[in-house]
Amino acid sequence: MSVDLGPVVGLAGGLVCLLAVIVIGWGLVAYNRLVRQRNQVQASWAQIDVQLKRRYDLIPNLVETVRGYAAHERSTLDAVVAARNNAVAVAAHDPGVGGRAAAENVLTQTLGRLFALAEAYPDLKANQNFAALQGELANTEDKIAYARQFFNSAAQTYNTSVQSVPTNVVAGIGGFRVWEYFEADGGERGPVQVRF
């Protein structure tokens, strides 16, 4: 007696083909999801970049306004200009998050010292140009904070996908790498109290 294994072999072959299609389909879905998440991280980084460039453009006008009232505070003004120039240089040469975050944290700290000068100069505090520039810079800082939060959220979602099993297999094959977070310096965390 011979047993006909043809239907069993055919069924097993069909199951193997079905399993292969499912695995390939899952791999394509996982890859496309990683691409979407990476694009979201890159787009949110571009928004941070836009706001940082806006801040860079506002700072020289603010420094010139302060210079007219507080010319003998040259060291503070020079520190702000140097921090701004360093941040611009880092932005031009280091597209990474870590280097940019460090330069931006230094700039934020020196801007805080600049605004503290206004307390010592009542005429400066009353100057409409200074008040308008200060308002624009505060608005820009709020946008930077929001963009940083959005970027870090997008990076977290992407990083979780890149590091989670089994998607990490597709990420490794596809060359997807973890993004750094754009973190605030220790002194920048928490509300900044500047009185005007």
N, C-alpha and C. Protein backbone atom coordinates (compact mmCIF):
# COMPACT_ATOMS: atom_id res chain seq x y z
N MET A 1 0.79 -1.18 0.00
CA MET A 1 0.00 0.00 0.00
C MET A 1 0.84 1.25 0.00
N SER A 2 0.49 2.04 -0.88
CA SER A 2 1.22 3.31 -0.92
C SER A 2 0.28 4.45 -0.59
N VAL A 3 0.84 5.37 0.14
CA VAL A 3 0.06 6.54 0.56
C VAL A 3 0.40 7.68 -0.38
N ASP A 4 -0.60 8.32 -0.86
CA ASP A 4 -0.40 9.45 -1.76
C ASP A 4 -0.13 10.71 -0.93
N LEU A 5 1.12 11.20 -0.93
CA LEU A 5 1.51 12.39 -0.17
C LEU A 5 1.41 13.67 -0.99
N GLY A 6 0.98 13.58 -2.18
CA GLY A 6 0.86 14.75 -3.05
C GLY A 6 0.04 15.87 -2.45
N PRO A 7 -1.18 15.60 -1.94
CA PRO A 7 -1.96 16.69 -1.35
C PRO A 7 -1.31 17.29 -0.11
N VAL A 8 -0.64 16.47 0.70
CA VAL A 8 0.01 16.96 1.91
C VAL A 8 1.19 17.86 1.53
N VAL A 9 1.97 17.42 0.58
CA VAL A 9 3.11 18.23 0.13
C VAL A 9 2.62 19.52 -0.50
N GLY A 10 1.57 19.44 -1.26
CA GLY A 10 1.00 20.64 -1.87
C GLY A 10 0.49 21.61 -0.82
N LEU A 11 -0.18 21.08 0.21
CA LEU A 11 -0.68 21.92 1.30
C LEU A 11 0.48 22.55 2.08
N ALA A 12 1.51 21.78 2.35
CA ALA A 12 2.68 22.29 3.08
C ALA A 12 3.37 23.37 2.25
N GLY A 13 3.51 23.14 0.96
CA GLY A 13 4.12 24.14 0.08
C GLY A 13 3.30 25.41 0.04
N GLY A 14 1.98 25.26 0.00
CA GLY A 14 1.10 26.42 0.01
C GLY A 14 1.22 27.21 1.31
N LEU A 15 1.30 26.49 2.43
CA LEU A 15 1.47 27.16 3.73
C LEU A 15 2.80 27.90 3.81
N VAL A 16 3.86 27.30 3.30
CA VAL A 16 5.18 27.95 3.29
C VAL A 16 5.12 29.22 2.44
N CYS A 17 4.48 29.13 1.29
CA CYS A 17 4.35 30.31 0.42
C CYS A 17 3.52 31.39 1.10
N LEU A 18 2.43 31.00 1.75
CA LEU A 18 1.60 31.95 2.47
C LEU A 18 2.38 32.61 3.60
N LEU A 19 3.14 31.82 4.34
CA LEU A 19 3.97 32.36 5.42
C LEU A 19 5.02 33.33 4.87
N ALA A 20 5.62 32.99 3.75
CA ALA A 20 6.62 33.87 3.14
C ALA A 20 5.98 35.20 2.71
N VAL A 21 4.79 35.12 2.13
CA VAL A 21 4.09 36.35 1.72
C VAL A 21 3.77 37.21 2.94
N ILE A 22 3.33 36.57 4.02
CA ILE A 22 3.00 37.32 5.25
C ILE A 22 4.25 37.99 5.82
N VAL A 23 5.37 37.28 5.87
CA VAL A 23 6.61 37.85 6.41
C VAL A 23 7.10 39.00 5.53
N ILE A 24 7.07 38.82 4.24
CA ILE A 24 7.51 39.88 3.32
C ILE A 24 6.58 41.09 3.43
N GLY A 25 5.27 40.82 3.49
CA GLY A 25 4.30 41.92 3.65
C GLY A 25 4.53 42.68 4.95
N TRP A 26 4.75 41.94 6.04
CA TRP A 26 5.03 42.59 7.32
C TRP A 26 6.32 43.42 7.23
N GLY A 27 7.34 42.87 6.58
CA GLY A 27 8.61 43.59 6.43
C GLY A 27 8.43 44.90 5.68
N LEU A 28 7.62 44.86 4.62
CA LEU A 28 7.36 46.08 3.85
C LEU A 28 6.58 47.11 4.67
N VAL A 29 5.59 46.65 5.42
CA VAL A 29 4.82 47.57 6.26
C VAL A 29 5.72 48.18 7.33
N ALA A 30 6.55 47.35 7.96
CA ALA A 30 7.46 47.86 9.00
C ALA A 30 8.46 48.86 8.41
N TYR A 31 9.00 48.55 7.25
CA TYR A 31 9.95 49.46 6.60
C TYR A 31 9.29 50.80 6.29
N ASN A 32 8.09 50.75 5.71
CA ASN A 32 7.39 51.99 5.37
C ASN A 32 7.05 52.81 6.61
N ARG A 33 6.69 52.14 7.71
CA ARG A 33 6.41 52.86 8.95
C ARG A 33 7.68 53.54 9.47
N LEU A 34 8.80 52.86 9.40
CA LEU A 34 10.08 53.46 9.82
C LEU A 34 10.43 54.67 8.96
N VAL A 35 10.19 54.57 7.67
CA VAL A 35 10.45 55.69 6.77
C VAL A 35 9.57 56.89 7.14
N ARG A 36 8.28 56.65 7.38
CA ARG A 36 7.38 57.75 7.78
C ARG A 36 7.83 58.38 9.09
N GLN A 37 8.20 57.57 10.04
CA GLN A 37 8.63 58.09 11.34
C GLN A 37 9.95 58.86 11.21
N ARG A 38 10.88 58.35 10.41
CA ARG A 38 12.14 59.07 10.19
C ARG A 38 11.88 60.41 9.51
N ASN A 39 10.99 60.42 8.54
CA ASN A 39 10.65 61.67 7.86
C ASN A 39 10.01 62.67 8.82
N GLN A 40 9.20 62.18 9.75
CA GLN A 40 8.59 63.06 10.76
C GLN A 40 9.66 63.67 11.66
N VAL A 41 10.64 62.87 12.04
CA VAL A 41 11.74 63.38 12.87
C VAL A 41 12.52 64.44 12.09
N GLN A 42 12.82 64.16 10.83
CA GLN A 42 13.58 65.12 10.02
C GLN A 42 12.78 66.41 9.80
N ALA A 43 11.49 66.30 9.58
CA ALA A 43 10.66 67.49 9.39
C ALA A 43 10.58 68.30 10.68
N SER A 44 10.47 67.63 11.81
CA SER A 44 10.41 68.37 13.08
C SER A 44 11.75 69.00 13.39
N TRP A 45 12.84 68.37 12.99
CA TRP A 45 14.17 68.99 13.16
C TRP A 45 14.27 70.24 12.28
N ALA A 46 13.71 70.19 11.09
CA ALA A 46 13.73 71.35 10.20
C ALA A 46 12.96 72.51 10.82
N GLN A 47 11.88 72.22 11.54
CA GLN A 47 11.13 73.30 12.22
C GLN A 47 11.96 73.94 13.32
N ILE A 48 12.71 73.14 14.05
CA ILE A 48 13.61 73.70 15.07
C ILE A 48 14.62 74.60 14.38
N ASP A 49 15.17 74.14 13.28
CA ASP A 49 16.17 74.90 12.55
C ASP A 49 15.62 76.25 12.08
N VAL A 50 14.39 76.26 11.60
CA VAL A 50 13.76 77.51 11.16
C VAL A 50 13.66 78.50 12.32
N GLN A 51 13.22 78.02 13.47
CA GLN A 51 13.06 78.91 14.63
C GLN A 51 14.41 79.38 15.16
N LEU A 52 15.41 78.51 15.12
CA LEU A 52 16.74 78.93 15.57
C LEU A 52 17.30 80.01 14.65
N LYS A 53 17.10 79.87 13.35
CA LYS A 53 17.57 80.89 12.41
C LYS A 53 16.85 82.21 12.65
N ARG A 54 15.57 82.13 12.99
CA ARG A 54 14.82 83.35 13.31
C ARG A 54 15.42 84.03 14.54
N ARG A 55 15.78 83.22 15.53
CA ARG A 55 16.41 83.78 16.73
C ARG A 55 17.75 84.41 16.38
N TYR A 56 18.53 83.75 15.55
CA TYR A 56 19.83 84.31 15.14
C TYR A 56 19.65 85.68 14.49
N ASP A 57 18.59 85.83 13.70
CA ASP A 57 18.34 87.10 13.02
C ASP A 57 17.91 88.21 13.98
N LEU A 58 17.22 87.85 15.05
CA LEU A 58 16.75 88.86 16.01
C LEU A 58 17.85 89.36 16.94
N ILE A 59 18.80 88.52 17.25
CA ILE A 59 19.80 88.85 18.26
C ILE A 59 20.65 90.07 17.91
N PRO A 60 21.17 90.23 16.69
CA PRO A 60 21.97 91.42 16.41
C PRO A 60 21.19 92.73 16.64
N ASN A 61 19.92 92.76 16.27
CA ASN A 61 19.12 93.97 16.50
C ASN A 61 18.94 94.23 17.99
N LEU A 62 18.74 93.19 18.74
CA LEU A 62 18.58 93.33 20.18
C LEU A 62 19.87 93.83 20.82
N VAL A 63 20.99 93.28 20.40
CA VAL A 63 22.28 93.71 20.95
C VAL A 63 22.55 95.17 20.62
N GLU A 64 22.24 95.58 19.41
CA GLU A 64 22.46 96.99 19.03
C GLU A 64 21.58 97.92 19.85
N THR A 65 20.36 97.51 20.12
CA THR A 65 19.47 98.34 20.94
C THR A 65 20.03 98.47 22.35
N VAL A 66 20.48 97.38 22.92
CA VAL A 66 21.04 97.41 24.27
C VAL A 66 22.33 98.21 24.29
N ARG A 67 23.14 98.07 23.26
CA ARG A 67 24.43 98.77 23.20
C ARG A 67 24.25 100.29 23.34
N GLY A 68 23.18 100.82 22.78
CA GLY A 68 22.93 102.25 22.88
C GLY A 68 22.67 102.72 24.30
N TYR A 69 22.14 101.85 25.13
CA TYR A 69 21.80 102.22 26.51
C TYR A 69 22.82 101.72 27.52
N ALA A 70 23.49 100.65 27.21
CA ALA A 70 24.39 100.02 28.19
C ALA A 70 25.75 99.73 27.54
N ALA A 71 26.34 100.77 26.98
CA ALA A 71 27.59 100.59 26.25
C ALA A 71 28.71 100.05 27.12
N HIS A 72 28.70 100.38 28.41
CA HIS A 72 29.80 99.91 29.26
C HIS A 72 29.60 98.46 29.72
N GLU A 73 28.54 97.80 29.29
CA GLU A 73 28.31 96.38 29.58
C GLU A 73 28.84 95.55 28.41
N ARG A 74 29.97 95.95 27.92
CA ARG A 74 30.54 95.36 26.72
C ARG A 74 30.76 93.85 26.84
N SER A 75 31.19 93.37 27.99
CA SER A 75 31.49 91.94 28.13
C SER A 75 30.23 91.09 27.91
N THR A 76 29.10 91.55 28.44
CA THR A 76 27.85 90.81 28.24
C THR A 76 27.43 90.84 26.78
N LEU A 77 27.53 92.02 26.16
CA LEU A 77 27.16 92.14 24.75
C LEU A 77 28.07 91.28 23.87
N ASP A 78 29.37 91.32 24.17
CA ASP A 78 30.30 90.49 23.40
C ASP A 78 30.02 89.00 23.59
N ALA A 79 29.64 88.61 24.81
CA ALA A 79 29.34 87.20 25.08
C ALA A 79 28.12 86.75 24.28
N VAL A 80 27.11 87.61 24.18
CA VAL A 80 25.91 87.27 23.41
C VAL A 80 26.26 87.12 21.93
N VAL A 81 27.04 88.08 21.41
CA VAL A 81 27.44 88.03 20.00
C VAL A 81 28.27 86.78 19.73
N ALA A 82 29.21 86.49 20.64
CA ALA A 82 30.06 85.30 20.45
C ALA A 82 29.24 84.02 20.52
N ALA A 83 28.30 83.94 21.45
CA ALA A 83 27.45 82.74 21.56
C ALA A 83 26.58 82.58 20.33
N ARG A 84 26.06 83.69 19.82
CA ARG A 84 25.24 83.63 18.61
C ARG A 84 26.07 83.17 17.42
N ASN A 85 27.26 83.75 17.27
CA ASN A 85 28.13 83.38 16.15
C ASN A 85 28.55 81.92 16.25
N ASN A 86 28.81 81.44 17.47
CA ASN A 86 29.17 80.04 17.66
C ASN A 86 28.00 79.14 17.28
N ALA A 87 26.79 79.51 17.69
CA ALA A 87 25.61 78.70 17.36
C ALA A 87 25.40 78.64 15.85
N VAL A 88 25.60 79.77 15.18
CA VAL A 88 25.47 79.80 13.72
C VAL A 88 26.53 78.91 13.08
N ALA A 89 27.77 78.98 13.58
CA ALA A 89 28.85 78.16 13.03
C ALA A 89 28.59 76.68 13.25
N VAL A 90 28.13 76.33 14.44
CA VAL A 90 27.82 74.93 14.72
C VAL A 90 26.69 74.45 13.80
N ALA A 91 25.68 75.30 13.62
CA ALA A 91 24.57 74.93 12.74
C ALA A 91 25.04 74.68 11.31
N ALA A 92 26.04 75.44 10.88
CA ALA A 92 26.53 75.30 9.51
C ALA A 92 27.41 74.06 9.33
N HIS A 93 28.10 73.65 10.41
CA HIS A 93 29.08 72.58 10.26
C HIS A 93 28.71 71.28 10.98
N ASP A 94 27.77 71.31 11.90
CA ASP A 94 27.41 70.12 12.67
C ASP A 94 25.90 69.92 12.61
N PRO A 95 25.44 69.11 11.67
CA PRO A 95 23.99 68.92 11.56
C PRO A 95 23.41 68.04 12.67
N GLY A 96 24.29 67.50 13.54
CA GLY A 96 23.82 66.63 14.60
C GLY A 96 23.09 67.38 15.70
N VAL A 97 22.28 66.65 16.42
CA VAL A 97 21.45 67.25 17.46
C VAL A 97 22.29 67.64 18.67
N GLY A 98 23.21 66.80 19.10
CA GLY A 98 23.98 67.04 20.31
C GLY A 98 24.80 68.32 20.28
N GLY A 99 25.55 68.53 19.22
CA GLY A 99 26.36 69.74 19.10
C GLY A 99 25.51 70.99 19.02
N ARG A 100 24.43 70.91 18.28
CA ARG A 100 23.52 72.06 18.16
C ARG A 100 22.90 72.39 19.50
N ALA A 101 22.47 71.37 20.23
CA ALA A 101 21.81 71.60 21.52
C ALA A 101 22.76 72.28 22.49
N ALA A 102 24.01 71.85 22.53
CA ALA A 102 24.99 72.46 23.43
C ALA A 102 25.21 73.94 23.09
N ALA A 103 25.37 74.24 21.81
CA ALA A 103 25.58 75.63 21.39
C ALA A 103 24.36 76.49 21.68
N GLU A 104 23.17 75.93 21.47
CA GLU A 104 21.94 76.68 21.74
C GLU A 104 21.75 76.92 23.23
N ASN A 105 22.15 75.97 24.06
CA ASN A 105 22.04 76.16 25.51
C ASN A 105 22.94 77.29 25.99
N VAL A 106 24.15 77.39 25.43
CA VAL A 106 25.05 78.49 25.79
C VAL A 106 24.43 79.82 25.35
N LEU A 107 23.87 79.86 24.16
CA LEU A 107 23.24 81.08 23.67
C LEU A 107 22.07 81.49 24.55
N THR A 108 21.27 80.54 24.95
CA THR A 108 20.12 80.84 25.82
C THR A 108 20.59 81.44 27.14
N GLN A 109 21.66 80.90 27.70
CA GLN A 109 22.18 81.42 28.96
C GLN A 109 22.69 82.85 28.80
N THR A 110 23.40 83.14 27.72
CA THR A 110 23.91 84.50 27.54
C THR A 110 22.78 85.48 27.25
N LEU A 111 21.75 85.03 26.58
CA LEU A 111 20.58 85.90 26.37
C LEU A 111 19.92 86.24 27.70
N GLY A 112 19.89 85.30 28.62
CA GLY A 112 19.34 85.56 29.95
C GLY A 112 20.11 86.65 30.66
N ARG A 113 21.44 86.65 30.52
CA ARG A 113 22.27 87.71 31.12
C ARG A 113 21.98 89.05 30.45
N LEU A 114 21.74 89.04 29.13
CA LEU A 114 21.43 90.28 28.42
C LEU A 114 20.12 90.87 28.93
N PHE A 115 19.11 90.03 29.09
CA PHE A 115 17.83 90.53 29.58
C PHE A 115 17.92 90.99 31.03
N ALA A 116 18.81 90.40 31.79
CA ALA A 116 18.99 90.84 33.17
C ALA A 116 19.55 92.26 33.22
N LEU A 117 20.28 92.66 32.19
CA LEU A 117 20.82 94.03 32.13
C LEU A 117 19.69 95.07 32.11
N ALA A 118 18.58 94.72 31.53
CA ALA A 118 17.48 95.67 31.41
C ALA A 118 17.01 96.16 32.77
N GLU A 119 17.17 95.34 33.79
CA GLU A 119 16.77 95.74 35.14
C GLU A 119 17.56 96.95 35.61
N ALA A 120 18.81 97.03 35.20
CA ALA A 120 19.68 98.13 35.66
C ALA A 120 19.53 99.40 34.83
N TYR A 121 18.79 99.33 33.74
CA TYR A 121 18.66 100.47 32.84
C TYR A 121 17.18 100.75 32.56
N PRO A 122 16.55 101.60 33.37
CA PRO A 122 15.12 101.89 33.19
C PRO A 122 14.79 102.45 31.81
N ASP A 123 15.69 103.25 31.25
CA ASP A 123 15.44 103.79 29.91
C ASP A 123 15.39 102.68 28.87
N LEU A 124 16.24 101.69 29.06
CA LEU A 124 16.25 100.56 28.13
C LEU A 124 14.94 99.77 28.25
N LYS A 125 14.49 99.54 29.47
CA LYS A 125 13.23 98.81 29.67
C LYS A 125 12.06 99.55 29.03
N ALA A 126 12.13 100.87 29.01
CA ALA A 126 11.04 101.67 28.47
C ALA A 126 11.12 101.84 26.95
N ASN A 127 12.24 101.47 26.36
CA ASN A 127 12.43 101.63 24.93
C ASN A 127 11.50 100.69 24.16
N GLN A 128 10.71 101.28 23.24
CA GLN A 128 9.73 100.48 22.49
C GLN A 128 10.40 99.46 21.57
N ASN A 129 11.52 99.85 20.98
CA ASN A 129 12.24 98.93 20.09
C ASN A 129 12.73 97.72 20.89
N PHE A 130 13.30 97.97 22.07
CA PHE A 130 13.77 96.88 22.92
C PHE A 130 12.59 95.99 23.32
N ALA A 131 11.48 96.60 23.71
CA ALA A 131 10.30 95.83 24.12
C ALA A 131 9.77 94.98 22.97
N ALA A 132 9.75 95.56 21.77
CA ALA A 132 9.27 94.80 20.60
C ALA A 132 10.20 93.64 20.28
N LEU A 133 11.51 93.90 20.31
CA LEU A 133 12.48 92.84 20.04
C LEU A 133 12.42 91.75 21.11
N GLN A 134 12.26 92.19 22.35
CA GLN A 134 12.16 91.23 23.45
C GLN A 134 10.91 90.36 23.28
N GLY A 135 9.82 90.98 22.87
CA GLY A 135 8.59 90.22 22.63
C GLY A 135 8.75 89.22 21.49
N GLU A 136 9.39 89.65 20.41
CA GLU A 136 9.63 88.76 19.28
C GLU A 136 10.53 87.59 19.68
N LEU A 137 11.56 87.92 20.46
CA LEU A 137 12.47 86.86 20.89
C LEU A 137 11.76 85.89 21.84
N ALA A 138 10.92 86.41 22.74
CA ALA A 138 10.17 85.54 23.65
C ALA A 138 9.22 84.64 22.86
N ASN A 139 8.58 85.20 21.84
CA ASN A 139 7.70 84.42 20.97
C ASN A 139 8.49 83.33 20.25
N THR A 140 9.66 83.68 19.77
CA THR A 140 10.51 82.71 19.07
C THR A 140 10.98 81.63 20.04
N GLU A 141 11.33 82.02 21.26
CA GLU A 141 11.75 81.03 22.26
C GLU A 141 10.62 80.04 22.55
N ASP A 142 9.38 80.55 22.61
CA ASP A 142 8.24 79.66 22.82
C ASP A 142 8.10 78.68 21.65
N LYS A 143 8.29 79.18 20.43
CA LYS A 143 8.20 78.31 19.26
C LYS A 143 9.32 77.27 19.26
N ILE A 144 10.51 77.69 19.69
CA ILE A 144 11.63 76.74 19.78
C ILE A 144 11.31 75.65 20.80
N ALA A 145 10.77 76.05 21.94
CA ALA A 145 10.42 75.08 22.98
C ALA A 145 9.38 74.09 22.46
N TYR A 146 8.37 74.60 21.75
CA TYR A 146 7.35 73.71 21.19
C TYR A 146 7.96 72.79 20.14
N ALA A 147 8.78 73.35 19.25
CA ALA A 147 9.39 72.55 18.20
C ALA A 147 10.32 71.49 18.80
N ARG A 148 11.04 71.85 19.87
CA ARG A 148 11.92 70.89 20.55
C ARG A 148 11.09 69.76 21.14
N GLN A 149 9.96 70.10 21.76
CA GLN A 149 9.09 69.09 22.35
C GLN A 149 8.54 68.16 21.27
N PHE A 150 8.10 68.74 20.15
CA PHE A 150 7.57 67.94 19.05
C PHE A 150 8.65 67.04 18.46
N PHE A 151 9.85 67.59 18.29
CA PHE A 151 10.97 66.81 17.77
C PHE A 151 11.28 65.63 18.69
N ASN A 152 11.39 65.91 19.98
CA ASN A 152 11.73 64.84 20.92
C ASN A 152 10.65 63.77 20.96
N SER A 153 9.39 64.17 20.81
CA SER A 153 8.30 63.20 20.77
C SER A 153 8.40 62.33 19.51
N ALA A 154 8.66 62.97 18.38
CA ALA A 154 8.81 62.23 17.12
C ALA A 154 10.03 61.31 17.19
N ALA A 155 11.12 61.80 17.77
CA ALA A 155 12.33 60.98 17.91
C ALA A 155 12.07 59.78 18.83
N GLN A 156 11.31 60.00 19.90
CA GLN A 156 10.99 58.90 20.81
C GLN A 156 10.19 57.81 20.10
N THR A 157 9.18 58.21 19.34
CA THR A 157 8.36 57.24 18.60
C THR A 157 9.22 56.46 17.60
N TYR A 158 10.04 57.18 16.87
CA TYR A 158 10.92 56.56 15.88
C TYR A 158 11.93 55.63 16.57
N ASN A 159 12.59 56.12 17.62
CA ASN A 159 13.59 55.32 18.33
C ASN A 159 12.98 54.05 18.91
N THR A 160 11.76 54.15 19.41
CA THR A 160 11.08 52.97 19.95
C THR A 160 10.87 51.93 18.85
N SER A 161 10.47 52.39 17.68
CA SER A 161 10.30 51.46 16.56
C SER A 161 11.61 50.83 16.13
N VAL A 162 12.67 51.64 16.09
CA VAL A 162 13.98 51.14 15.65
C VAL A 162 14.53 50.10 16.63
N GLN A 163 14.23 50.28 17.91
CA GLN A 163 14.81 49.41 18.92
C GLN A 163 13.90 48.25 19.34
N SER A 164 12.66 48.24 18.91
CA SER A 164 11.71 47.20 19.33
C SER A 164 11.83 45.96 18.46
N VAL A 165 11.65 44.81 19.10
CA VAL A 165 11.63 43.54 18.39
C VAL A 165 10.22 43.34 17.84
N PRO A 166 10.01 42.92 16.68
CA PRO A 166 10.94 42.47 15.65
C PRO A 166 11.29 43.56 14.63
N THR A 167 10.76 44.79 14.84
CA THR A 167 11.03 45.85 13.87
C THR A 167 12.51 46.19 13.80
N ASN A 168 13.25 45.93 14.88
CA ASN A 168 14.68 46.24 14.87
C ASN A 168 15.42 45.45 13.79
N VAL A 169 14.89 44.31 13.39
CA VAL A 169 15.51 43.53 12.31
C VAL A 169 15.41 44.31 11.00
N VAL A 170 14.23 44.82 10.71
CA VAL A 170 14.03 45.62 9.50
C VAL A 170 14.85 46.90 9.59
N ALA A 171 14.90 47.52 10.77
CA ALA A 171 15.68 48.75 10.96
C ALA A 171 17.16 48.51 10.71
N GLY A 172 17.66 47.39 11.20
CA GLY A 172 19.07 47.07 10.99
C GLY A 172 19.39 46.83 9.52
N ILE A 173 18.52 46.11 8.84
CA ILE A 173 18.71 45.83 7.42
C ILE A 173 18.58 47.12 6.61
N GLY A 174 17.61 47.98 7.01
CA GLY A 174 17.36 49.21 6.26
C GLY A 174 18.27 50.38 6.62
N GLY A 175 19.14 50.21 7.60
CA GLY A 175 20.08 51.27 7.96
C GLY A 175 19.45 52.38 8.80
N PHE A 176 18.39 52.09 9.50
CA PHE A 176 17.75 53.09 10.36
C PHE A 176 18.52 53.17 11.67
N ARG A 177 18.89 54.39 12.08
CA ARG A 177 19.65 54.60 13.30
C ARG A 177 18.87 55.47 14.27
N VAL A 178 19.17 55.33 15.54
CA VAL A 178 18.51 56.08 16.60
C VAL A 178 18.89 57.56 16.51
N TRP A 179 17.94 58.46 16.77
CA TRP A 179 18.18 59.90 16.81
C TRP A 179 18.44 60.34 18.24
N GLU A 180 19.29 61.35 18.40
CA GLU A 180 19.50 61.95 19.71
C GLU A 180 18.33 62.87 20.02
N TYR A 181 18.10 63.09 21.30
CA TYR A 181 17.09 64.06 21.71
C TYR A 181 17.73 65.44 21.79
N PHE A 182 16.93 66.47 21.56
CA PHE A 182 17.39 67.86 21.68
C PHE A 182 17.07 68.27 23.11
N GLU A 183 18.04 68.07 23.99
CA GLU A 183 17.80 68.27 25.41
C GLU A 183 18.24 69.64 25.87
N ALA A 184 17.51 70.14 26.86
CA ALA A 184 17.86 71.41 27.48
C ALA A 184 19.01 71.18 28.45
N ASP A 185 19.84 72.18 28.58
CA ASP A 185 20.92 72.15 29.55
C ASP A 185 20.31 72.13 30.95
N GLY A 186 21.02 71.61 31.92
CA GLY A 186 20.51 71.54 33.28
C GLY A 186 20.03 72.88 33.81
N GLY A 187 20.73 73.97 33.50
CA GLY A 187 20.34 75.29 33.96
C GLY A 187 19.15 75.85 33.23
N GLU A 188 18.81 75.27 32.09
CA GLU A 188 17.70 75.78 31.28
C GLU A 188 16.38 75.13 31.68
N ARG A 189 16.45 74.03 32.39
CA ARG A 189 15.23 73.32 32.76
C ARG A 189 14.47 74.11 33.81
N GLY A 190 13.18 74.05 33.67
CA GLY A 190 12.33 74.78 34.61
C GLY A 190 12.09 76.18 34.10
N PRO A 191 11.16 76.89 34.74
CA PRO A 191 10.83 78.23 34.27
C PRO A 191 11.97 79.21 34.53
N VAL A 192 12.27 80.02 33.53
CA VAL A 192 13.28 81.06 33.65
C VAL A 192 12.58 82.32 34.16
N GLN A 193 13.11 82.87 35.20
CA GLN A 193 12.49 84.06 35.77
C GLN A 193 13.30 85.29 35.39
N VAL A 194 12.78 86.02 34.46
CA VAL A 194 13.38 87.28 34.04
C VAL A 194 12.34 88.35 34.25
N ARG A 195 12.70 89.36 34.99
CA ARG A 195 11.73 90.42 35.28
C ARG A 195 12.05 91.64 34.43
N PHE A 196 10.99 92.22 33.88
CA PHE A 196 11.15 93.42 33.06
C PHE A 196 10.25 94.51 33.57
